[in-house]
N, C-alpha and C. Protein backbone atom coordinates (compact mmCIF):
# COMPACT_ATOMS: atom_id res chain seq x y z
N UNK A 1 -1.20 56.00 141.70
CA UNK A 1 -0.48 56.83 142.70
C UNK A 1 0.77 56.23 143.24
N UNK A 2 0.72 54.88 143.42
CA UNK A 2 1.93 54.17 143.88
C UNK A 2 3.01 54.27 142.84
N UNK A 3 2.58 54.16 141.50
CA UNK A 3 3.56 54.26 140.43
C UNK A 3 4.15 55.64 140.36
N UNK A 4 3.51 56.60 140.92
CA UNK A 4 3.98 57.98 140.90
C UNK A 4 4.89 58.27 142.08
N UNK A 5 5.02 57.33 143.01
CA UNK A 5 5.97 57.41 144.12
C UNK A 5 5.34 57.43 145.56
N UNK A 6 4.00 57.39 145.62
CA UNK A 6 3.41 57.36 146.94
C UNK A 6 3.46 55.95 147.52
N UNK A 7 3.51 55.87 148.84
CA UNK A 7 3.42 54.56 149.45
C UNK A 7 1.97 54.05 149.42
N UNK A 8 1.75 52.74 149.54
CA UNK A 8 0.45 52.21 149.62
C UNK A 8 -0.38 52.91 150.74
N UNK A 9 0.19 53.10 151.91
CA UNK A 9 -0.53 53.72 153.01
C UNK A 9 -0.92 55.19 152.61
N UNK A 10 -0.10 55.87 151.96
CA UNK A 10 -0.40 57.31 151.52
C UNK A 10 -1.55 57.27 150.48
N UNK A 11 -1.52 56.28 149.63
CA UNK A 11 -2.61 56.19 148.66
C UNK A 11 -3.93 55.87 149.32
N UNK A 12 -3.93 54.94 150.26
CA UNK A 12 -5.22 54.64 150.98
C UNK A 12 -5.69 55.79 151.77
N UNK A 13 -4.85 56.54 152.37
CA UNK A 13 -5.26 57.78 153.09
C UNK A 13 -5.86 58.85 152.10
N UNK A 14 -5.13 58.95 151.01
CA UNK A 14 -5.62 59.97 150.01
C UNK A 14 -6.99 59.60 149.49
N UNK A 15 -7.24 58.31 149.31
CA UNK A 15 -8.56 57.84 148.76
C UNK A 15 -9.66 57.74 149.73
N UNK A 16 -9.42 57.87 151.05
CA UNK A 16 -10.40 57.71 152.07
C UNK A 16 -10.55 59.02 152.85
N UNK A 17 -9.80 59.16 153.90
CA UNK A 17 -9.99 60.36 154.77
C UNK A 17 -9.56 61.64 154.02
N UNK A 18 -8.51 61.54 153.26
CA UNK A 18 -8.10 62.77 152.44
C UNK A 18 -9.21 63.20 151.42
N UNK A 19 -9.75 62.23 150.78
CA UNK A 19 -10.76 62.60 149.75
C UNK A 19 -12.06 63.09 150.47
N UNK A 20 -12.41 62.56 151.61
CA UNK A 20 -13.54 62.99 152.36
C UNK A 20 -13.34 64.41 152.82
N UNK A 21 -12.16 64.82 153.28
CA UNK A 21 -11.86 66.20 153.70
C UNK A 21 -12.03 67.10 152.50
N UNK A 22 -11.45 66.76 151.38
CA UNK A 22 -11.51 67.60 150.16
C UNK A 22 -12.94 67.77 149.68
N UNK A 23 -13.75 66.77 149.91
CA UNK A 23 -15.18 66.87 149.48
C UNK A 23 -16.07 67.46 150.57
N UNK A 24 -15.49 67.88 151.67
CA UNK A 24 -16.20 68.42 152.80
C UNK A 24 -17.31 67.46 153.31
N UNK A 25 -16.88 66.23 153.44
CA UNK A 25 -17.81 65.16 153.90
C UNK A 25 -17.26 64.57 155.23
N UNK A 26 -17.63 65.21 156.33
CA UNK A 26 -17.14 64.68 157.65
C UNK A 26 -17.73 63.34 158.00
N UNK A 27 -18.80 62.85 157.32
CA UNK A 27 -19.38 61.61 157.58
C UNK A 27 -18.71 60.43 156.91
N UNK A 28 -17.64 60.75 156.07
CA UNK A 28 -16.94 59.73 155.32
C UNK A 28 -15.44 59.73 155.67
N UNK A 29 -14.81 58.65 155.30
CA UNK A 29 -13.31 58.64 155.30
C UNK A 29 -12.64 57.96 156.48
N UNK A 30 -13.34 57.71 157.59
CA UNK A 30 -12.75 56.99 158.75
C UNK A 30 -13.85 56.10 159.32
N UNK A 31 -13.38 55.15 160.07
CA UNK A 31 -14.27 54.22 160.81
C UNK A 31 -14.38 54.77 162.22
N UNK A 32 -15.64 55.25 162.54
CA UNK A 32 -15.83 55.83 163.86
C UNK A 32 -17.34 55.95 164.04
N UNK A 33 -17.77 56.01 165.34
CA UNK A 33 -19.23 56.19 165.59
C UNK A 33 -19.76 57.46 164.90
N UNK A 34 -20.94 57.33 164.33
CA UNK A 34 -21.61 58.46 163.70
C UNK A 34 -21.24 58.62 162.30
N UNK A 35 -20.28 57.84 161.77
CA UNK A 35 -19.91 57.89 160.33
C UNK A 35 -20.67 56.89 159.56
N UNK A 36 -20.72 57.00 158.24
CA UNK A 36 -21.33 56.01 157.40
C UNK A 36 -20.62 54.67 157.55
N UNK A 37 -21.37 53.56 157.54
CA UNK A 37 -20.77 52.28 157.69
C UNK A 37 -20.59 51.60 156.31
N UNK A 38 -19.69 52.18 155.57
CA UNK A 38 -19.31 51.58 154.22
C UNK A 38 -17.87 51.07 154.39
N UNK A 39 -17.70 49.79 154.26
CA UNK A 39 -16.35 49.17 154.52
C UNK A 39 -16.06 48.14 153.42
N UNK A 40 -14.77 48.05 153.14
CA UNK A 40 -14.29 47.01 152.26
C UNK A 40 -13.33 46.12 153.17
N UNK A 41 -13.63 44.86 153.27
CA UNK A 41 -12.77 43.93 154.00
C UNK A 41 -12.00 43.14 152.97
N UNK A 42 -10.70 43.23 153.04
CA UNK A 42 -9.80 42.66 152.07
C UNK A 42 -9.17 41.36 152.47
N UNK A 43 -8.78 40.53 151.59
CA UNK A 43 -8.13 39.24 151.93
C UNK A 43 -6.66 39.48 152.21
N UNK A 44 -6.06 40.49 151.67
CA UNK A 44 -4.63 40.70 151.87
C UNK A 44 -4.44 42.10 152.40
N UNK A 45 -3.18 42.46 152.82
CA UNK A 45 -2.80 43.76 153.32
C UNK A 45 -2.48 44.72 152.22
N UNK A 46 -3.23 45.71 151.97
CA UNK A 46 -2.96 46.70 150.83
C UNK A 46 -1.75 47.56 151.17
N UNK A 47 -1.33 47.68 152.46
CA UNK A 47 -0.17 48.50 152.77
C UNK A 47 1.10 47.70 152.39
N UNK A 48 1.02 46.38 152.32
CA UNK A 48 2.14 45.61 151.91
C UNK A 48 2.19 45.49 150.33
N UNK A 49 1.08 45.48 149.70
CA UNK A 49 1.05 45.38 148.24
C UNK A 49 -0.30 46.01 147.83
N UNK A 50 -0.24 47.17 147.21
CA UNK A 50 -1.45 47.90 146.86
C UNK A 50 -2.43 47.07 145.96
N UNK A 51 -1.92 46.10 145.24
CA UNK A 51 -2.80 45.28 144.39
C UNK A 51 -3.79 44.46 145.23
N UNK A 52 -3.52 44.30 146.52
CA UNK A 52 -4.42 43.56 147.41
C UNK A 52 -5.78 44.30 147.55
N UNK A 53 -5.83 45.53 147.13
CA UNK A 53 -7.13 46.31 147.22
C UNK A 53 -8.15 45.68 146.29
N UNK A 54 -7.71 44.91 145.33
CA UNK A 54 -8.65 44.23 144.38
C UNK A 54 -9.15 42.85 144.89
N UNK A 55 -8.59 42.40 146.01
CA UNK A 55 -8.98 41.06 146.46
C UNK A 55 -9.97 41.23 147.64
N UNK A 56 -11.22 41.44 147.31
CA UNK A 56 -12.33 41.71 148.26
C UNK A 56 -12.76 40.40 148.97
N UNK A 57 -13.08 40.51 150.21
CA UNK A 57 -13.69 39.46 150.94
C UNK A 57 -15.12 39.80 151.30
N UNK A 58 -15.33 41.03 151.81
CA UNK A 58 -16.64 41.48 152.24
C UNK A 58 -16.82 42.96 151.86
N UNK A 59 -17.99 43.35 151.44
CA UNK A 59 -18.36 44.71 151.23
C UNK A 59 -19.59 45.01 152.13
N UNK A 60 -19.46 46.09 152.94
CA UNK A 60 -20.54 46.54 153.77
C UNK A 60 -20.95 47.89 153.34
N UNK A 61 -22.28 48.08 152.95
CA UNK A 61 -22.78 49.36 152.54
C UNK A 61 -23.87 49.79 153.53
N UNK A 62 -23.81 51.01 154.02
CA UNK A 62 -24.75 51.49 154.91
C UNK A 62 -25.06 50.58 156.10
N UNK A 63 -23.97 49.91 156.59
CA UNK A 63 -24.05 49.06 157.69
C UNK A 63 -24.58 47.62 157.44
N UNK A 64 -24.94 47.35 156.17
CA UNK A 64 -25.48 46.07 155.81
C UNK A 64 -24.49 45.33 154.90
N UNK A 65 -24.44 43.99 155.04
CA UNK A 65 -23.57 43.16 154.23
C UNK A 65 -24.13 43.21 152.79
N UNK A 66 -23.27 43.62 151.85
CA UNK A 66 -23.70 43.69 150.44
C UNK A 66 -23.04 42.67 149.57
N UNK A 67 -21.83 42.34 149.87
CA UNK A 67 -21.08 41.25 149.10
C UNK A 67 -20.30 40.44 150.13
N UNK A 68 -20.42 39.12 149.98
CA UNK A 68 -19.64 38.20 150.86
C UNK A 68 -18.94 37.19 149.97
N UNK A 69 -17.72 37.47 149.62
CA UNK A 69 -16.98 36.63 148.76
C UNK A 69 -16.39 35.47 149.48
N UNK A 70 -16.55 35.45 150.82
CA UNK A 70 -16.06 34.22 151.58
C UNK A 70 -16.88 33.01 151.12
N UNK A 71 -18.12 33.27 150.75
CA UNK A 71 -18.98 32.22 150.22
C UNK A 71 -19.22 32.34 148.73
N UNK A 72 -18.57 33.31 148.07
CA UNK A 72 -18.67 33.56 146.61
C UNK A 72 -20.07 33.86 146.27
N UNK A 73 -20.80 34.71 146.97
CA UNK A 73 -22.19 35.08 146.56
C UNK A 73 -22.35 36.59 146.77
N UNK A 74 -23.27 37.14 145.97
CA UNK A 74 -23.65 38.60 146.08
C UNK A 74 -25.07 38.57 146.75
N UNK A 75 -25.16 39.32 147.79
CA UNK A 75 -26.47 39.42 148.49
C UNK A 75 -27.27 40.54 147.96
N UNK A 76 -28.57 40.41 147.83
CA UNK A 76 -29.48 41.40 147.32
C UNK A 76 -30.00 42.25 148.40
């Protein structure tokens, strides 16, 4: 999408809150009380360089730590 001319911020919006709206999923797409607690914590700023989206630090699924690359381990 960046290669097609969108800014990194526009791509992130399209892939999160925009996609949730299109899928009619009000529980997804933003970080707020009452929403699903699925988060990616990145090591770099993806709005500065979209390739930073691939440099994961932590993954939280359903409010629980699923991946913690700070210690290079995957939790079960």
